[in-house]
Protein backbone atom coordinates (compact mmCIF):
# COMPACT_ATOMS: atom_id res chain seq x y z
CA MET A 1 -0.50 0.30 0.16
CA ASN A 2 1.21 3.42 -1.02
CA TRP A 3 0.23 5.31 2.17
CA ASP A 4 2.27 8.80 0.65
CA LEU A 5 -0.02 7.94 -2.83
CA VAL A 6 -2.80 7.75 -0.51
CA TRP A 7 -2.59 10.94 1.65
CA SER A 8 -1.47 13.11 -1.13
CA SER A 9 -4.29 12.11 -3.41
CA PHE A 10 -7.27 12.66 -0.83
CA GLY A 11 -7.25 16.25 -1.57
CA PRO A 12 -7.08 16.19 -4.97
CA ILE A 13 -10.20 14.41 -5.03
CA ILE A 14 -12.28 15.40 -2.30
CA GLY A 15 -11.69 18.80 -4.20
CA GLY A 16 -13.29 17.47 -7.14
CA ALA A 17 -16.57 16.68 -4.85
CA ILE A 18 -16.10 20.07 -3.64
CA THR A 19 -15.63 21.99 -6.96
CA GLY A 20 -17.03 19.73 -9.10
CA THR A 21 -19.74 16.73 -7.62
CA ILE A 22 -21.71 18.66 -5.63
CA PRO A 23 -22.52 21.52 -7.91
CA LEU A 24 -23.18 19.45 -10.57
CA THR A 25 -25.78 17.34 -8.02
CA LEU A 26 -27.47 20.47 -6.92
CA VAL A 27 -27.27 22.79 -9.54
CA SER A 28 -29.35 19.69 -12.04
CA PHE A 29 -31.45 18.56 -9.21
CA ALA A 30 -33.15 22.27 -8.82
CA PHE A 31 -33.58 22.85 -12.81
CA GLY A 32 -34.95 19.20 -12.34
CA ILE A 33 -36.97 19.36 -9.74
CA LEU A 34 -38.31 22.74 -11.62
CA LEU A 35 -38.89 20.66 -14.92
CA ALA A 36 -40.59 17.49 -13.01
CA LEU A 37 -43.09 19.71 -11.67
CA VAL A 38 -44.15 21.47 -15.25
CA VAL A 39 -44.16 18.09 -16.38
CA ALA A 40 -46.30 16.14 -13.45
CA LEU A 41 -49.34 18.58 -13.82
CA MET A 42 -49.16 18.04 -17.80
CA ARG A 43 -49.71 14.78 -17.16
CA LEU A 44 -53.09 15.84 -14.46
CA SER A 45 -53.92 18.28 -17.20
CA PRO A 46 -56.85 17.46 -19.06
CA ASN A 47 -55.79 18.22 -22.32
CA PRO A 48 -54.99 14.81 -24.03
CA VAL A 49 -52.49 16.47 -26.02
CA ILE A 50 -50.84 18.04 -23.08
CA THR A 51 -50.72 14.73 -21.18
CA GLY A 52 -49.58 13.09 -24.54
CA VAL A 53 -46.49 15.16 -24.83
CA ALA A 54 -45.83 14.38 -20.90
CA ARG A 55 -46.44 10.97 -20.95
CA PHE A 56 -44.26 10.99 -24.14
CA TYR A 57 -40.85 12.79 -22.41
CA VAL A 58 -41.32 10.48 -19.06
CA SER A 59 -41.36 7.32 -21.23
CA VAL A 60 -38.31 7.95 -23.16
CA ILE A 61 -36.19 9.10 -20.07
CA ARG A 62 -37.64 6.37 -17.68
CA GLY A 63 -36.68 4.11 -20.96
CA THR A 64 -33.13 5.05 -21.90
CA PRO A 65 -29.84 4.86 -20.14
CA LEU A 66 -28.91 7.58 -18.73
CA LEU A 67 -25.72 7.41 -20.13
CA VAL A 68 -27.13 7.49 -23.74
CA GLN A 69 -28.55 10.78 -22.84
CA LEU A 70 -25.25 12.22 -22.31
CA PHE A 71 -23.72 11.01 -25.23
CA VAL A 72 -26.59 12.37 -27.45
CA ILE A 73 -25.93 15.86 -26.02
CA PHE A 74 -22.26 15.83 -25.78
CA TYR A 75 -21.39 14.38 -28.56
CA GLY A 76 -24.52 13.60 -30.77
CA LEU A 77 -26.04 17.61 -30.72
CA PRO A 78 -22.36 18.73 -32.42
CA SER A 79 -23.54 16.61 -35.72
CA ILE A 80 -26.48 19.13 -36.13
CA GLY A 81 -24.81 21.85 -35.46
CA VAL A 82 -25.50 22.04 -31.56
CA LYS A 83 -22.11 21.97 -29.82
CA LEU A 84 -22.08 22.48 -25.95
CA ASP A 85 -19.40 22.43 -23.38
CA PRO A 86 -19.03 19.80 -20.77
CA TRP A 87 -20.60 21.21 -17.87
CA PRO A 88 -24.09 22.29 -20.05
CA SER A 89 -23.95 18.89 -21.08
CA ALA A 90 -23.88 17.63 -17.86
CA ILE A 91 -26.24 19.88 -16.40
CA ILE A 92 -29.08 19.42 -19.24
CA ALA A 93 -29.05 16.10 -19.43
CA PHE A 94 -29.07 14.92 -15.57
CA SER A 95 -31.42 17.71 -15.39
CA LEU A 96 -33.29 16.58 -17.85
CA ASN A 97 -32.91 12.53 -16.13
CA VAL A 98 -34.46 14.27 -12.83
CA GLY A 99 -37.66 15.85 -14.84
CA GLY A 100 -37.74 12.28 -15.73
CA TYR A 101 -38.09 10.37 -13.06
CA ALA A 102 -39.43 13.06 -10.08
CA ALA A 103 -42.18 13.60 -12.40
CA GLU A 104 -43.75 10.76 -11.53
CA ILE A 105 -43.49 11.07 -8.12
CA ILE A 106 -44.39 14.45 -8.13
CA ARG A 107 -47.96 13.68 -9.67
CA ALA A 108 -47.86 10.53 -6.97
CA ALA A 109 -47.73 13.16 -4.43
CA ILE A 110 -50.30 15.05 -5.96
CA LEU A 111 -52.67 12.93 -6.30
CA SER A 112 -52.24 11.01 -2.57
CA VAL A 113 -53.81 14.56 -1.36
CA PRO A 114 -57.88 13.88 -0.71
CA LYS A 115 -59.98 15.14 -3.22
CA GLY A 116 -62.00 17.17 -0.46
CA GLN A 117 -58.89 19.41 0.16
CA TRP A 118 -59.48 20.96 -3.37
CA GLU A 119 -63.31 21.83 -2.73
CA ALA A 120 -62.23 23.09 0.76
CA GLY A 121 -59.77 25.38 -1.09
CA HIS A 122 -62.89 26.48 -3.56
CA THR A 123 -65.02 26.50 -0.87
CA ILE A 124 -62.80 29.25 0.79
CA GLY A 125 -62.34 31.68 -2.47
CA MET A 126 -59.06 30.07 -3.56
CA SER A 127 -58.68 30.18 -7.14
CA ARG A 128 -57.64 26.42 -9.18
CA PRO A 129 -54.03 27.74 -9.18
CA GLN A 130 -53.84 29.44 -5.15
CA THR A 131 -55.12 25.97 -3.68
CA LEU A 132 -52.21 24.28 -5.79
CA LEU A 133 -49.44 26.27 -4.35
CA ARG A 134 -51.36 26.98 -1.13
CA VAL A 135 -53.30 23.93 -0.12
CA ILE A 136 -51.80 20.77 -2.60
CA LEU A 137 -48.32 21.10 -2.88
CA PRO A 138 -47.28 21.87 0.96
CA GLN A 139 -49.16 18.59 1.62
CA ALA A 140 -47.86 16.37 -1.38
CA ALA A 141 -44.41 17.63 -0.95
CA ARG A 142 -44.22 16.30 2.60
CA VAL A 143 -45.25 12.94 0.60
CA SER A 144 -42.90 13.04 -1.99
CA VAL A 145 -39.28 13.82 0.53
CA PRO A 146 -38.37 10.76 1.20
CA PRO A 147 -38.70 9.44 -2.89
CA LEU A 148 -37.05 12.41 -4.41
CA SER A 149 -33.78 12.65 -1.78
CA ASN A 150 -33.40 9.05 -2.91
CA THR A 151 -33.28 10.57 -5.95
CA PHE A 152 -30.96 13.29 -5.44
CA ILE A 153 -28.97 10.51 -3.10
CA SER A 154 -28.67 8.76 -6.80
CA LEU A 155 -27.87 11.78 -8.67
CA VAL A 156 -24.63 12.39 -6.41
CA LYS A 157 -23.40 8.50 -7.78
CA ASP A 158 -24.24 9.35 -11.44
CA THR A 159 -22.30 12.64 -11.45
CA SER A 160 -19.40 10.04 -11.84
CA LEU A 161 -21.05 9.48 -15.63
CA ALA A 162 -19.78 12.93 -16.40
CA SER A 163 -16.18 12.92 -16.47
CA LEU A 164 -16.63 10.79 -19.52
CA ILE A 165 -17.41 13.49 -21.15
CA LEU A 166 -14.31 15.09 -19.63
CA VAL A 167 -16.12 17.30 -16.82
CA THR A 168 -13.63 17.90 -13.87
CA GLU A 169 -15.49 16.01 -10.65
CA LEU A 170 -14.03 13.51 -8.19
CA PHE A 171 -14.01 10.33 -10.12
CA ARG A 172 -12.09 12.44 -13.30
CA ASN A 173 -9.75 13.24 -10.36
CA ALA A 174 -9.67 10.17 -9.21
CA GLN A 175 -9.07 8.95 -12.81
CA GLN A 176 -6.20 11.16 -13.36
CA ILE A 177 -4.17 10.63 -10.79
CA ALA A 178 -4.71 6.48 -10.99
CA ALA A 179 -3.69 7.12 -14.67
CA PHE A 180 -0.26 9.19 -13.67
CA SER A 181 0.15 6.68 -10.44
CA GLN A 182 -0.54 3.39 -12.08
CA GLU A 183 -2.65 2.26 -8.65
CA PHE A 184 -6.01 1.89 -10.23
CA MET A 185 -7.34 -0.19 -6.97
CA ILE A 186 -6.17 2.68 -4.50
CA LEU A 187 -7.67 5.49 -6.70
CA TYR A 188 -10.99 3.79 -6.98
CA LEU A 189 -11.27 2.75 -3.62
CA GLN A 190 -10.41 5.87 -2.07
CA ALA A 191 -13.22 7.46 -4.73
CA ALA A 192 -15.89 4.89 -3.93
CA LEU A 193 -15.06 6.07 -0.10
CA VAL A 194 -15.94 9.73 -0.60
CA TYR A 195 -19.07 8.82 -2.19
CA TRP A 196 -20.06 6.68 0.35
CA VAL A 197 -19.56 9.36 2.75
CA ILE A 198 -21.18 11.70 0.73
CA CYS A 199 -24.44 9.43 0.53
CA LEU A 200 -23.92 8.40 4.48
CA VAL A 201 -24.50 12.11 5.73
CA LEU A 202 -27.53 13.21 3.43
CA SER A 203 -29.04 9.56 4.17
CA THR A 204 -29.19 10.56 7.52
CA GLY A 205 -30.05 14.04 6.77
CA GLN A 206 -32.92 12.36 4.85
CA SER A 207 -33.73 10.45 8.07
CA VAL A 208 -33.38 13.91 10.16
CA LEU A 209 -35.62 15.87 8.09
CA GLU A 210 -38.08 13.03 7.23
CA LYS A 211 -38.83 12.69 11.77
CA ARG A 212 -38.99 16.35 11.76
CA LEU A 213 -42.25 16.83 9.11
CA ASP A 214 -44.08 13.32 10.62
CA ARG A 215 -43.78 15.25 13.89
CA TYR A 216 -44.58 18.43 11.94
CA VAL A 217 -47.75 16.80 10.55
CA ALA A 218 -48.72 15.03 14.31
CA HIS A 219 -49.28 18.20 15.72
């Protein structure tokens, strides 16, 4: 075991997590959730055309590998004259992917709210959009926290695919050090350890958040 390499490589790997993996995850998840909310509302629309478009988008995203989606955006789009840098390509791909999966989570959460809540909002003079924003979505948010948290944690690990389009993040830094030192096992295990620690922290935070929400709902 080359301990000098172990200790000296932790800095760049953790640095890649701080400057690459975490920002990429946060930005992609934020855009993905916004997209998912729009798609979820489209899926609930009485208009069959709008519903059909949303259903098609979800089907394509859920039915194709994330790696293929990433390659289509980064390597495929230049063939039709659209060239994007690695970071925008990764953000677009991850956001679209999150949007496809999270849309179904949000849709199910909205449907889980009793229909009487819509009627209650209408009774006190709220419009349908006001009822959605002030009554339905807050309750749906509570239901969607666990699955959306799992989606976020999965996204942290999925960002390692961005290394394949030259995005400098945690795994990309580990790859570069491994290629230079030829110590592939050590470096990849270090990368795995950092991913595991990040996901462990997030899982702990998820548990704390769920307990607080349960206590809030109980009162």
